[in-house]
Amino acid sequence: MSDDNLMPLNPHLACRVADHMGLPYRVCRRRFCRRRGFCSRVLVKDGIPACCLNLDDKELALFLVRYEDFLKKGISPASAGSPA
């Protein structure tokens, strides 16, 4: 993944989108995220969930499209088990 073209993301919304796409369970290397099934690790630099580092360019593009959709609609998807 090349993070050169990433804009700063809203960390809360980015985590909820990652949850919505099932990323914590499917691709995250953080044990806590996999076991709980929701995103709990965000990179401070750009607000992107840590699991997105494991995505290839096409998958990251899909994540960003979903993020933009939720951002434009003003929707923050709920996460099963998420504390937020």
PDB file of N, CA and C in Angstrom:
ATOM      1  N   MET A   1       0.843  -1.181   0.000  1.00  0.00           N
ATOM      2  CA  MET A   1       0.000   0.000   0.000  1.00  0.00           C
ATOM      3  C   MET A   1       0.881   1.234   0.000  1.00  0.00           C
ATOM      4  N   SER A   2       0.553   2.173  -0.818  1.00  0.00           N
ATOM      5  CA  SER A   2       1.280   3.434  -0.811  1.00  0.00           C
ATOM      6  C   SER A   2       0.420   4.471  -0.125  1.00  0.00           C
ATOM      7  N   ASP A   3       0.922   5.004   0.982  1.00  0.00           N
ATOM      8  CA  ASP A   3       0.126   5.963   1.741  1.00  0.00           C
ATOM      9  C   ASP A   3       0.494   7.404   1.415  1.00  0.00           C
ATOM     10  N   ASP A   4       1.180   7.609   0.281  1.00  0.00           N
ATOM     11  CA  ASP A   4       1.574   8.958  -0.111  1.00  0.00           C
ATOM     12  C   ASP A   4       0.366   9.806  -0.505  1.00  0.00           C
ATOM     13  N   ASN A   5      -0.659   9.174  -1.081  1.00  0.00           N
ATOM     14  CA  ASN A   5      -1.792   9.925  -1.594  1.00  0.00           C
ATOM     15  C   ASN A   5      -2.979   9.946  -0.629  1.00  0.00           C
ATOM     16  N   LEU A   6      -2.785   9.510   0.598  1.00  0.00           N
ATOM     17  CA  LEU A   6      -3.885   9.484   1.564  1.00  0.00           C
ATOM     18  C   LEU A   6      -4.076  10.849   2.207  1.00  0.00           C
ATOM     19  N   MET A   7      -5.335  11.241   2.273  1.00  0.00           N
ATOM     20  CA  MET A   7      -5.665  12.473   2.969  1.00  0.00           C
ATOM     21  C   MET A   7      -5.834  12.147   4.447  1.00  0.00           C
ATOM     22  N   PRO A   8      -5.721  13.111   5.328  1.00  0.00           N
ATOM     23  CA  PRO A   8      -6.014  12.835   6.745  1.00  0.00           C
ATOM     24  C   PRO A   8      -7.489  12.443   6.898  1.00  0.00           C
ATOM     25  N   LEU A   9      -7.731  11.365   7.598  1.00  0.00           N
ATOM     26  CA  LEU A   9      -9.087  10.849   7.762  1.00  0.00           C
ATOM     27  C   LEU A   9      -9.600  11.131   9.165  1.00  0.00           C
ATOM     28  N   ASN A  10     -10.915  11.176   9.304  1.00  0.00           N
ATOM     29  CA  ASN A  10     -11.542  11.244  10.611  1.00  0.00           C
ATOM     30  C   ASN A  10     -11.372   9.862  11.241  1.00  0.00           C
ATOM     31  N   PRO A  11     -10.609   9.744  12.319  1.00  0.00           N
ATOM     32  CA  PRO A  11     -10.295   8.417  12.881  1.00  0.00           C
ATOM     33  C   PRO A  11     -11.527   7.613  13.287  1.00  0.00           C
ATOM     34  N   HIS A  12     -12.515   8.271  13.890  1.00  0.00           N
ATOM     35  CA  HIS A  12     -13.709   7.550  14.323  1.00  0.00           C
ATOM     36  C   HIS A  12     -14.465   6.983  13.122  1.00  0.00           C
ATOM     37  N   LEU A  13     -14.689   7.803  12.113  1.00  0.00           N
ATOM     38  CA  LEU A  13     -15.403   7.355  10.929  1.00  0.00           C
ATOM     39  C   LEU A  13     -14.608   6.286  10.187  1.00  0.00           C
ATOM     40  N   ALA A  14     -13.301   6.461  10.087  1.00  0.00           N
ATOM     41  CA  ALA A  14     -12.466   5.475   9.395  1.00  0.00           C
ATOM     42  C   ALA A  14     -12.547   4.111  10.083  1.00  0.00           C
ATOM     43  N   CYS A  15     -12.558   4.091  11.402  1.00  0.00           N
ATOM     44  CA  CYS A  15     -12.687   2.827  12.140  1.00  0.00           C
ATOM     45  C   CYS A  15     -14.039   2.192  11.902  1.00  0.00           C
ATOM     46  N   ARG A  16     -15.088   3.006  11.886  1.00  0.00           N
ATOM     47  CA  ARG A  16     -16.415   2.451  11.668  1.00  0.00           C
ATOM     48  C   ARG A  16     -16.556   1.878  10.258  1.00  0.00           C
ATOM     49  N   VAL A  17     -15.937   2.538   9.266  1.00  0.00           N
ATOM     50  CA  VAL A  17     -15.968   2.019   7.895  1.00  0.00           C
ATOM     51  C   VAL A  17     -15.182   0.705   7.822  1.00  0.00           C
ATOM     52  N   ALA A  18     -14.050   0.642   8.501  1.00  0.00           N
ATOM     53  CA  ALA A  18     -13.278  -0.604   8.542  1.00  0.00           C
ATOM     54  C   ALA A  18     -14.106  -1.718   9.176  1.00  0.00           C
ATOM     55  N   ASP A  19     -14.826  -1.397  10.239  1.00  0.00           N
ATOM     56  CA  ASP A  19     -15.708  -2.379  10.874  1.00  0.00           C
ATOM     57  C   ASP A  19     -16.793  -2.825   9.895  1.00  0.00           C
ATOM     58  N   HIS A  20     -17.385  -1.865   9.217  1.00  0.00           N
ATOM     59  CA  HIS A  20     -18.456  -2.140   8.265  1.00  0.00           C
ATOM     60  C   HIS A  20     -17.985  -3.095   7.170  1.00  0.00           C
ATOM     61  N   MET A  21     -16.735  -2.952   6.753  1.00  0.00           N
ATOM     62  CA  MET A  21     -16.175  -3.798   5.702  1.00  0.00           C
ATOM     63  C   MET A  21     -15.606  -5.115   6.237  1.00  0.00           C
ATOM     64  N   GLY A  22     -15.611  -5.282   7.549  1.00  0.00           N
ATOM     65  CA  GLY A  22     -15.110  -6.525   8.141  1.00  0.00           C
ATOM     66  C   GLY A  22     -13.593  -6.624   8.180  1.00  0.00           C
ATOM     67  N   LEU A  23     -12.902  -5.513   8.076  1.00  0.00           N
ATOM     68  CA  LEU A  23     -11.438  -5.541   8.025  1.00  0.00           C
ATOM     69  C   LEU A  23     -10.775  -6.013   9.316  1.00  0.00           C
ATOM     70  N   PRO A  24     -11.260  -5.614  10.494  1.00  0.00           N
ATOM     71  CA  PRO A  24     -10.564  -6.064  11.707  1.00  0.00           C
ATOM     72  C   PRO A  24     -10.485  -7.591  11.806  1.00  0.00           C
ATOM     73  N   TYR A  25     -11.536  -8.254  11.429  1.00  0.00           N
ATOM     74  CA  TYR A  25     -11.549  -9.710  11.525  1.00  0.00           C
ATOM     75  C   TYR A  25     -10.787 -10.371  10.377  1.00  0.00           C
ATOM     76  N   ARG A  26     -10.885  -9.797   9.176  1.00  0.00           N
ATOM     77  CA  ARG A  26     -10.305 -10.440   7.997  1.00  0.00           C
ATOM     78  C   ARG A  26      -8.821 -10.153   7.787  1.00  0.00           C
ATOM     79  N   VAL A  27      -8.360  -8.931   8.019  1.00  0.00           N
ATOM     80  CA  VAL A  27      -6.988  -8.608   7.625  1.00  0.00           C
ATOM     81  C   VAL A  27      -6.111  -7.995   8.710  1.00  0.00           C
ATOM     82  N   CYS A  28      -6.693  -7.602   9.835  1.00  0.00           N
ATOM     83  CA  CYS A  28      -5.885  -6.910  10.839  1.00  0.00           C
ATOM     84  C   CYS A  28      -4.927  -7.872  11.527  1.00  0.00           C
ATOM     85  N   ARG A  29      -3.717  -7.408  11.751  1.00  0.00           N
ATOM     86  CA  ARG A  29      -2.712  -8.218  12.445  1.00  0.00           C
ATOM     87  C   ARG A  29      -2.716  -7.983  13.948  1.00  0.00           C
ATOM     88  N   ARG A  30      -3.557  -7.046  14.385  1.00  0.00           N
ATOM     89  CA  ARG A  30      -3.656  -6.768  15.815  1.00  0.00           C
ATOM     90  C   ARG A  30      -4.596  -7.794  16.457  1.00  0.00           C
ATOM     91  N   ARG A  31      -4.105  -8.527  17.406  1.00  0.00           N
ATOM     92  CA  ARG A  31      -4.889  -9.582  18.043  1.00  0.00           C
ATOM     93  C   ARG A  31      -6.165  -9.031  18.687  1.00  0.00           C
ATOM     94  N   PHE A  32      -6.032  -7.895  19.334  1.00  0.00           N
ATOM     95  CA  PHE A  32      -7.174  -7.283  20.010  1.00  0.00           C
ATOM     96  C   PHE A  32      -8.308  -7.003  19.022  1.00  0.00           C
ATOM     97  N   CYS A  33      -7.974  -6.452  17.879  1.00  0.00           N
ATOM     98  CA  CYS A  33      -8.985  -6.122  16.869  1.00  0.00           C
ATOM     99  C   CYS A  33      -9.650  -7.384  16.322  1.00  0.00           C
ATOM    100  N   ARG A  34      -8.841  -8.397  16.010  1.00  0.00           N
ATOM    101  CA  ARG A  34      -9.396  -9.636  15.462  1.00  0.00           C
ATOM    102  C   ARG A  34     -10.341 -10.306  16.440  1.00  0.00           C
ATOM    103  N   ARG A  35      -9.933 -10.387  17.693  1.00  0.00           N
ATOM    104  CA  ARG A  35     -10.756 -11.075  18.689  1.00  0.00           C
ATOM    105  C   ARG A  35     -12.040 -10.327  19.018  1.00  0.00           C
ATOM    106  N   ARG A  36     -11.956  -9.025  19.092  1.00  0.00           N
ATOM    107  CA  ARG A  36     -13.149  -8.235  19.410  1.00  0.00           C
ATOM    108  C   ARG A  36     -14.029  -8.003  18.186  1.00  0.00           C
ATOM    109  N   GLY A  37     -13.419  -8.046  17.001  1.00  0.00           N
ATOM    110  CA  GLY A  37     -14.193  -7.852  15.776  1.00  0.00           C
ATOM    111  C   GLY A  37     -14.459  -6.406  15.429  1.00  0.00           C
ATOM    112  N   PHE A  38     -13.760  -5.485  16.086  1.00  0.00           N
ATOM    113  CA  PHE A  38     -13.887  -4.079  15.719  1.00  0.00           C
ATOM    114  C   PHE A  38     -12.530  -3.396  15.786  1.00  0.00           C
ATOM    115  N   CYS A  39     -12.424  -2.333  15.034  1.00  0.00           N
ATOM    116  CA  CYS A  39     -11.160  -1.613  14.907  1.00  0.00           C
ATOM    117  C   CYS A  39     -10.856  -0.828  16.184  1.00  0.00           C
ATOM    118  N   SER A  40      -9.651  -1.009  16.681  1.00  0.00           N
ATOM    119  CA  SER A  40      -9.265  -0.280  17.891  1.00  0.00           C
ATOM    120  C   SER A  40      -7.889   0.364  17.762  1.00  0.00           C
ATOM    121  N   ARG A  41      -7.303   0.307  16.579  1.00  0.00           N
ATOM    122  CA  ARG A  41      -5.956   0.847  16.394  1.00  0.00           C
ATOM    123  C   ARG A  41      -5.935   1.764  15.191  1.00  0.00           C
ATOM    124  N   VAL A  42      -5.624   3.028  15.423  1.00  0.00           N
ATOM    125  CA  VAL A  42      -5.575   4.022  14.357  1.00  0.00           C
ATOM    126  C   VAL A  42      -4.188   4.631  14.328  1.00  0.00           C
ATOM    127  N   LEU A  43      -3.669   4.831  13.130  1.00  0.00           N
ATOM    128  CA  LEU A  43      -2.374   5.493  12.983  1.00  0.00           C
ATOM    129  C   LEU A  43      -2.573   6.990  13.179  1.00  0.00           C
ATOM    130  N   VAL A  44      -1.853   7.543  14.102  1.00  0.00           N
ATOM    131  CA  VAL A  44      -2.044   8.940  14.482  1.00  0.00           C
ATOM    132  C   VAL A  44      -1.710   9.889  13.337  1.00  0.00           C
ATOM    133  N   LYS A  45      -0.737   9.532  12.538  1.00  0.00           N
ATOM    134  CA  LYS A  45      -0.262  10.432  11.480  1.00  0.00           C
ATOM    135  C   LYS A  45      -1.369  10.849  10.511  1.00  0.00           C
ATOM    136  N   ASP A  46      -2.149   9.879  10.023  1.00  0.00           N
ATOM    137  CA  ASP A  46      -3.144  10.217   9.016  1.00  0.00           C
ATOM    138  C   ASP A  46      -4.550   9.727   9.345  1.00  0.00           C
ATOM    139  N   GLY A  47      -4.753   9.156  10.514  1.00  0.00           N
ATOM    140  CA  GLY A  47      -6.080   8.740  10.941  1.00  0.00           C
ATOM    141  C   GLY A  47      -6.600   7.471  10.309  1.00  0.00           C
ATOM    142  N   ILE A  48      -5.744   6.737   9.631  1.00  0.00           N
ATOM    143  CA  ILE A  48      -6.196   5.521   8.958  1.00  0.00           C
ATOM    144  C   ILE A  48      -6.099   4.328   9.909  1.00  0.00           C
ATOM    145  N   PRO A  49      -7.087   3.440   9.884  1.00  0.00           N
ATOM    146  CA  PRO A  49      -7.008   2.245  10.732  1.00  0.00           C
ATOM    147  C   PRO A  49      -5.786   1.397  10.374  1.00  0.00           C
ATOM    148  N   ALA A  50      -5.193   0.776  11.373  1.00  0.00           N
ATOM    149  CA  ALA A  50      -3.980  -0.011  11.154  1.00  0.00           C
ATOM    150  C   ALA A  50      -4.213  -1.167  10.191  1.00  0.00           C
ATOM    151  N   CYS A  51      -5.420  -1.714  10.180  1.00  0.00           N
ATOM    152  CA  CYS A  51      -5.689  -2.847   9.284  1.00  0.00           C
ATOM    153  C   CYS A  51      -5.574  -2.445   7.812  1.00  0.00           C
ATOM    154  N   CYS A  52      -5.728  -1.166   7.512  1.00  0.00           N
ATOM    155  CA  CYS A  52      -5.631  -0.718   6.119  1.00  0.00           C
ATOM    156  C   CYS A  52      -4.210  -0.840   5.573  1.00  0.00           C
ATOM    157  N   LEU A  53      -3.240  -0.962   6.447  1.00  0.00           N
ATOM    158  CA  LEU A  53      -1.868  -1.157   5.986  1.00  0.00           C
ATOM    159  C   LEU A  53      -1.700  -2.506   5.295  1.00  0.00           C
ATOM    160  N   ASN A  54      -2.607  -3.434   5.575  1.00  0.00           N
ATOM    161  CA  ASN A  54      -2.536  -4.772   4.994  1.00  0.00           C
ATOM    162  C   ASN A  54      -3.321  -4.896   3.692  1.00  0.00           C
ATOM    163  N   LEU A  55      -3.904  -3.816   3.234  1.00  0.00           N
ATOM    164  CA  LEU A  55      -4.683  -3.839   1.999  1.00  0.00           C
ATOM    165  C   LEU A  55      -3.800  -3.517   0.806  1.00  0.00           C
ATOM    166  N   ASP A  56      -4.129  -4.114  -0.338  1.00  0.00           N
ATOM    167  CA  ASP A  56      -3.417  -3.725  -1.554  1.00  0.00           C
ATOM    168  C   ASP A  56      -4.071  -2.448  -2.094  1.00  0.00           C
ATOM    169  N   ASP A  57      -3.566  -1.936  -3.196  1.00  0.00           N
ATOM    170  CA  ASP A  57      -4.043  -0.650  -3.706  1.00  0.00           C
ATOM    171  C   ASP A  57      -5.521  -0.670  -4.090  1.00  0.00           C
ATOM    172  N   LYS A  58      -5.991  -1.768  -4.687  1.00  0.00           N
ATOM    173  CA  LYS A  58      -7.404  -1.858  -5.076  1.00  0.00           C
ATOM    174  C   LYS A  58      -8.312  -1.901  -3.852  1.00  0.00           C
ATOM    175  N   GLU A  59      -7.911  -2.659  -2.850  1.00  0.00           N
ATOM    176  CA  GLU A  59      -8.709  -2.754  -1.632  1.00  0.00           C
ATOM    177  C   GLU A  59      -8.723  -1.429  -0.882  1.00  0.00           C
ATOM    178  N   LEU A  60      -7.582  -0.756  -0.862  1.00  0.00           N
ATOM    179  CA  LEU A  60      -7.523   0.554  -0.210  1.00  0.00           C
ATOM    180  C   LEU A  60      -8.398   1.564  -0.939  1.00  0.00           C
ATOM    181  N   ALA A  61      -8.398   1.498  -2.260  1.00  0.00           N
ATOM    182  CA  ALA A  61      -9.255   2.396  -3.045  1.00  0.00           C
ATOM    183  C   ALA A  61     -10.721   2.151  -2.708  1.00  0.00           C
ATOM    184  N   LEU A  62     -11.118   0.892  -2.552  1.00  0.00           N
ATOM    185  CA  LEU A  62     -12.491   0.567  -2.175  1.00  0.00           C
ATOM    186  C   LEU A  62     -12.815   1.104  -0.778  1.00  0.00           C
ATOM    187  N   PHE A  63     -11.870   0.954   0.147  1.00  0.00           N
ATOM    188  CA  PHE A  63     -12.061   1.502   1.492  1.00  0.00           C
ATOM    189  C   PHE A  63     -12.297   3.011   1.425  1.00  0.00           C
ATOM    190  N   LEU A  64     -11.482   3.711   0.645  1.00  0.00           N
ATOM    191  CA  LEU A  64     -11.605   5.171   0.550  1.00  0.00           C
ATOM    192  C   LEU A  64     -12.913   5.585  -0.122  1.00  0.00           C
ATOM    193  N   VAL A  65     -13.374   4.793  -1.090  1.00  0.00           N
ATOM    194  CA  VAL A  65     -14.666   5.077  -1.721  1.00  0.00           C
ATOM    195  C   VAL A  65     -15.784   4.946  -0.685  1.00  0.00           C
ATOM    196  N   ARG A  66     -15.768   3.886   0.094  1.00  0.00           N
ATOM    197  CA  ARG A  66     -16.777   3.694   1.143  1.00  0.00           C
ATOM    198  C   ARG A  66     -16.693   4.820   2.183  1.00  0.00           C
ATOM    199  N   TYR A  67     -15.477   5.198   2.549  1.00  0.00           N
ATOM    200  CA  TYR A  67     -15.280   6.286   3.508  1.00  0.00           C
ATOM    201  C   TYR A  67     -15.913   7.574   2.977  1.00  0.00           C
ATOM    202  N   GLU A  68     -15.616   7.891   1.721  1.00  0.00           N
ATOM    203  CA  GLU A  68     -16.172   9.109   1.113  1.00  0.00           C
ATOM    204  C   GLU A  68     -17.695   9.058   1.041  1.00  0.00           C
ATOM    205  N   ASP A  69     -18.246   7.874   0.728  1.00  0.00           N
ATOM    206  CA  ASP A  69     -19.703   7.730   0.688  1.00  0.00           C
ATOM    207  C   ASP A  69     -20.320   8.059   2.044  1.00  0.00           C
ATOM    208  N   PHE A  70     -19.768   7.458   3.095  1.00  0.00           N
ATOM    209  CA  PHE A  70     -20.300   7.703   4.436  1.00  0.00           C
ATOM    210  C   PHE A  70     -20.086   9.153   4.857  1.00  0.00           C
ATOM    211  N   LEU A  71     -18.954   9.730   4.482  1.00  0.00           N
ATOM    212  CA  LEU A  71     -18.661  11.116   4.829  1.00  0.00           C
ATOM    213  C   LEU A  71     -19.659  12.064   4.159  1.00  0.00           C
ATOM    214  N   LYS A  72     -19.928  11.844   2.876  1.00  0.00           N
ATOM    215  CA  LYS A  72     -20.859  12.701   2.139  1.00  0.00           C
ATOM    216  C   LYS A  72     -22.283  12.594   2.680  1.00  0.00           C
ATOM    217  N   LYS A  73     -22.678  11.382   3.058  1.00  0.00           N
ATOM    218  CA  LYS A  73     -24.035  11.166   3.551  1.00  0.00           C
ATOM    219  C   LYS A  73     -24.185  11.540   5.018  1.00  0.00           C
ATOM    220  N   GLY A  74     -23.072  11.765   5.691  1.00  0.00           N
ATOM    221  CA  GLY A  74     -23.126  12.107   7.107  1.00  0.00           C
ATOM    222  C   GLY A  74     -23.479  10.926   7.988  1.00  0.00           C
ATOM    223  N   ILE A  75     -23.176   9.726   7.495  1.00  0.00           N
ATOM    224  CA  ILE A  75     -23.513   8.506   8.222  1.00  0.00           C
ATOM    225  C   ILE A  75     -22.266   7.952   8.894  1.00  0.00           C
ATOM    226  N   SER A  76     -22.421   7.527  10.126  1.00  0.00           N
ATOM    227  CA  SER A  76     -21.353   6.812  10.809  1.00  0.00           C
ATOM    228  C   SER A  76     -21.875   5.414  11.115  1.00  0.00           C
ATOM    229  N   PRO A  77     -21.471   4.416  10.329  1.00  0.00           N
ATOM    230  CA  PRO A  77     -22.009   3.081  10.549  1.00  0.00           C
ATOM    231  C   PRO A  77     -21.679   2.549  11.927  1.00  0.00           C
ATOM    232  N   ALA A  78     -22.643   1.869  12.521  1.00  0.00           N
ATOM    233  CA  ALA A  78     -22.426   1.281  13.840  1.00  0.00           C
ATOM    234  C   ALA A  78     -21.577   0.030  13.698  1.00  0.00           C
ATOM    235  N   SER A  79     -20.904  -0.303  14.738  1.00  0.00           N
ATOM    236  CA  SER A  79     -20.070  -1.487  14.756  1.00  0.00           C
ATOM    237  C   SER A  79     -20.558  -2.421  15.848  1.00  0.00           C
ATOM    238  N   ALA A  80     -20.660  -3.675  15.526  1.00  0.00           N
ATOM    239  CA  ALA A  80     -21.074  -4.658  16.533  1.00  0.00           C
ATOM    240  C   ALA A  80     -20.000  -4.768  17.583  1.00  0.00           C
ATOM    241  N   GLY A  81     -20.347  -4.441  18.798  1.00  0.00           N
ATOM    242  CA  GLY A  81     -19.394  -4.571  19.893  1.00  0.00           C
ATOM    243  C   GLY A  81     -18.470  -3.394  20.087  1.00  0.00           C
ATOM    244  N   SER A  82     -18.528  -2.444  19.184  1.00  0.00           N
ATOM    245  CA  SER A  82     -17.641  -1.287  19.294  1.00  0.00           C
ATOM    246  C   SER A  82     -18.043  -0.411  20.474  1.00  0.00           C
ATOM    247  N   PRO A  83     -17.065   0.079  21.210  1.00  0.00           N
ATOM    248  CA  PRO A  83     -17.401   0.936  22.336  1.00  0.00           C
ATOM    249  C   PRO A  83     -17.889   2.318  21.922  1.00  0.00           C
ATOM    250  N   ALA A  84     -17.668   2.694  20.682  1.00  0.00           N
ATOM    251  CA  ALA A  84     -18.051   4.028  20.236  1.00  0.00           C
ATOM    252  C   ALA A  84     -19.384   4.054  19.546  1.00  0.00           C
TER     253      ALA A  84
END
